[in-house]
C-alpha atoms as a PDB file:
ATOM      1  CA  UNK A   1       0.000   0.000   0.000  1.00  0.00           C
ATOM      2  CA  UNK A   2       1.256   3.427  -0.924  1.00  0.00           C
ATOM      3  CA  UNK A   3       1.977   5.984   1.766  1.00  0.00           C
ATOM      4  CA  UNK A   4       0.893   8.745  -0.633  1.00  0.00           C
ATOM      5  CA  UNK A   5      -2.443  10.537  -0.882  1.00  0.00           C
ATOM      6  CA  UNK A   6      -2.635  12.688  -4.008  1.00  0.00           C
ATOM      7  CA  UNK A   7      -5.599  14.994  -3.397  1.00  0.00           C
ATOM      8  CA  UNK A   8      -4.595  17.689  -5.879  1.00  0.00           C
ATOM      9  CA  UNK A   9      -7.558  18.994  -7.838  1.00  0.00           C
ATOM     10  CA  UNK A  10     -10.061  17.790  -5.245  1.00  0.00           C
ATOM     11  CA  UNK A  11     -12.171  20.115  -3.121  1.00  0.00           C
ATOM     12  CA  UNK A  12     -12.920  19.656   0.556  1.00  0.00           C
ATOM     13  CA  UNK A  13     -13.930  17.462   2.195  1.00  0.00           C
ATOM     14  CA  UNK A  14     -12.440  14.936  -0.262  1.00  0.00           C
ATOM     15  CA  UNK A  15      -8.738  15.496   0.671  1.00  0.00           C
ATOM     16  CA  UNK A  16      -9.602  15.129   4.366  1.00  0.00           C
ATOM     17  CA  UNK A  17     -11.631  11.960   3.798  1.00  0.00           C
ATOM     18  CA  UNK A  18      -8.886  10.355   1.679  1.00  0.00           C
ATOM     19  CA  UNK A  19      -6.273  11.249   4.301  1.00  0.00           C
ATOM     20  CA  UNK A  20      -8.355   9.870   7.177  1.00  0.00           C
ATOM     21  CA  UNK A  21      -8.988   6.630   5.264  1.00  0.00           C
ATOM     22  CA  UNK A  22      -5.261   6.153   4.702  1.00  0.00           C
ATOM     23  CA  UNK A  23      -4.424   7.061   8.325  1.00  0.00           C
ATOM     24  CA  UNK A  24      -6.875   4.404   9.542  1.00  0.00           C
ATOM     25  CA  UNK A  25      -5.390   1.757   7.251  1.00  0.00           C
ATOM     26  CA  UNK A  26      -1.794   2.616   8.189  1.00  0.00           C
ATOM     27  CA  UNK A  27      -2.256   2.976  11.931  1.00  0.00           C
ATOM     28  CA  UNK A  28       1.195   4.537  12.260  1.00  0.00           C
ATOM     29  CA  UNK A  29       4.263   5.467  10.242  1.00  0.00           C
ATOM     30  CA  UNK A  30       4.737   8.205   7.696  1.00  0.00           C
ATOM     31  CA  UNK A  31       2.252   9.533   5.156  1.00  0.00           C
ATOM     32  CA  UNK A  32       2.711  12.037   2.323  1.00  0.00           C
ATOM     33  CA  UNK A  33      -0.317  14.104   1.299  1.00  0.00           C
ATOM     34  CA  UNK A  34      -0.387  16.333  -1.795  1.00  0.00           C
ATOM     35  CA  UNK A  35      -2.955  19.151  -1.921  1.00  0.00           C
ATOM     36  CA  UNK A  36      -3.306  22.324  -3.964  1.00  0.00           C
ATOM     37  CA  UNK A  37      -5.273  24.759  -1.794  1.00  0.00           C
ATOM     38  CA  UNK A  38      -4.621  26.496   1.521  1.00  0.00           C
ATOM     39  CA  UNK A  39      -7.999  25.304   2.793  1.00  0.00           C
ATOM     40  CA  UNK A  40      -7.218  21.664   2.020  1.00  0.00           C
ATOM     41  CA  UNK A  41      -3.786  22.006   3.630  1.00  0.00           C
ATOM     42  CA  UNK A  42      -5.217  23.408   6.862  1.00  0.00           C
ATOM     43  CA  UNK A  43      -8.104  20.933   6.985  1.00  0.00           C
ATOM     44  CA  UNK A  44      -5.851  17.912   6.393  1.00  0.00           C
ATOM     45  CA  UNK A  45      -3.415  19.086   9.091  1.00  0.00           C
ATOM     46  CA  UNK A  46      -6.287  19.591  11.553  1.00  0.00           C
ATOM     47  CA  UNK A  47      -7.895  16.219  10.752  1.00  0.00           C
ATOM     48  CA  UNK A  48      -4.582  14.352  11.019  1.00  0.00           C
ATOM     49  CA  UNK A  49      -3.878  16.044  14.345  1.00  0.00           C
ATOM     50  CA  UNK A  50      -7.238  14.872  15.666  1.00  0.00           C
ATOM     51  CA  UNK A  51      -6.062  11.304  14.996  1.00  0.00           C
ATOM     52  CA  UNK A  52      -2.767  11.778  16.836  1.00  0.00           C
ATOM     53  CA  UNK A  53      -0.650  12.394  13.726  1.00  0.00           C
ATOM     54  CA  UNK A  54       1.924  15.181  13.631  1.00  0.00           C
ATOM     55  CA  UNK A  55       3.139  17.345  10.776  1.00  0.00           C
ATOM     56  CA  UNK A  56       6.770  16.520  10.063  1.00  0.00           C
ATOM     57  CA  UNK A  57       7.092  19.041   7.224  1.00  0.00           C
ATOM     58  CA  UNK A  58       5.158  21.201   4.774  1.00  0.00           C
ATOM     59  CA  UNK A  59       6.791  21.983   1.433  1.00  0.00           C
ATOM     60  CA  UNK A  60       5.163  24.540  -0.850  1.00  0.00           C
ATOM     61  CA  UNK A  61       5.758  24.648  -4.597  1.00  0.00           C
ATOM     62  CA  UNK A  62       3.631  27.326  -6.188  1.00  0.00           C
ATOM     63  CA  UNK A  63       0.076  26.572  -5.113  1.00  0.00           C
ATOM     64  CA  UNK A  64       0.802  22.942  -4.275  1.00  0.00           C
ATOM     65  CA  UNK A  65       1.687  21.597  -0.849  1.00  0.00           C
ATOM     66  CA  UNK A  66       3.453  18.402   0.120  1.00  0.00           C
ATOM     67  CA  UNK A  67       2.576  17.459   3.693  1.00  0.00           C
ATOM     68  CA  UNK A  68       4.608  14.843   5.511  1.00  0.00           C
ATOM     69  CA  UNK A  69       2.621  13.421   8.415  1.00  0.00           C
ATOM     70  CA  UNK A  70       3.833  10.894  10.962  1.00  0.00           C
ATOM     71  CA  UNK A  71       2.729   8.884  13.939  1.00  0.00           C
ATOM     72  CA  UNK A  72       5.128   6.738  15.944  1.00  0.00           C
END
């Protein structure tokens, strides 16, 4: 199973739902999430945090964001 959620081009709540589905299937580890709006970025970070996941890094390239989330 890939540890990548590519939610670019999707509007909320789809990026959050995809991220939460992957978080539930992984349980722990590292997950990369790609989004292309500020709203999606903030909502994914908030939703992941509610599940005990932390933001390891946020890389911005133009209007796209690469979020690295982790849970030990």
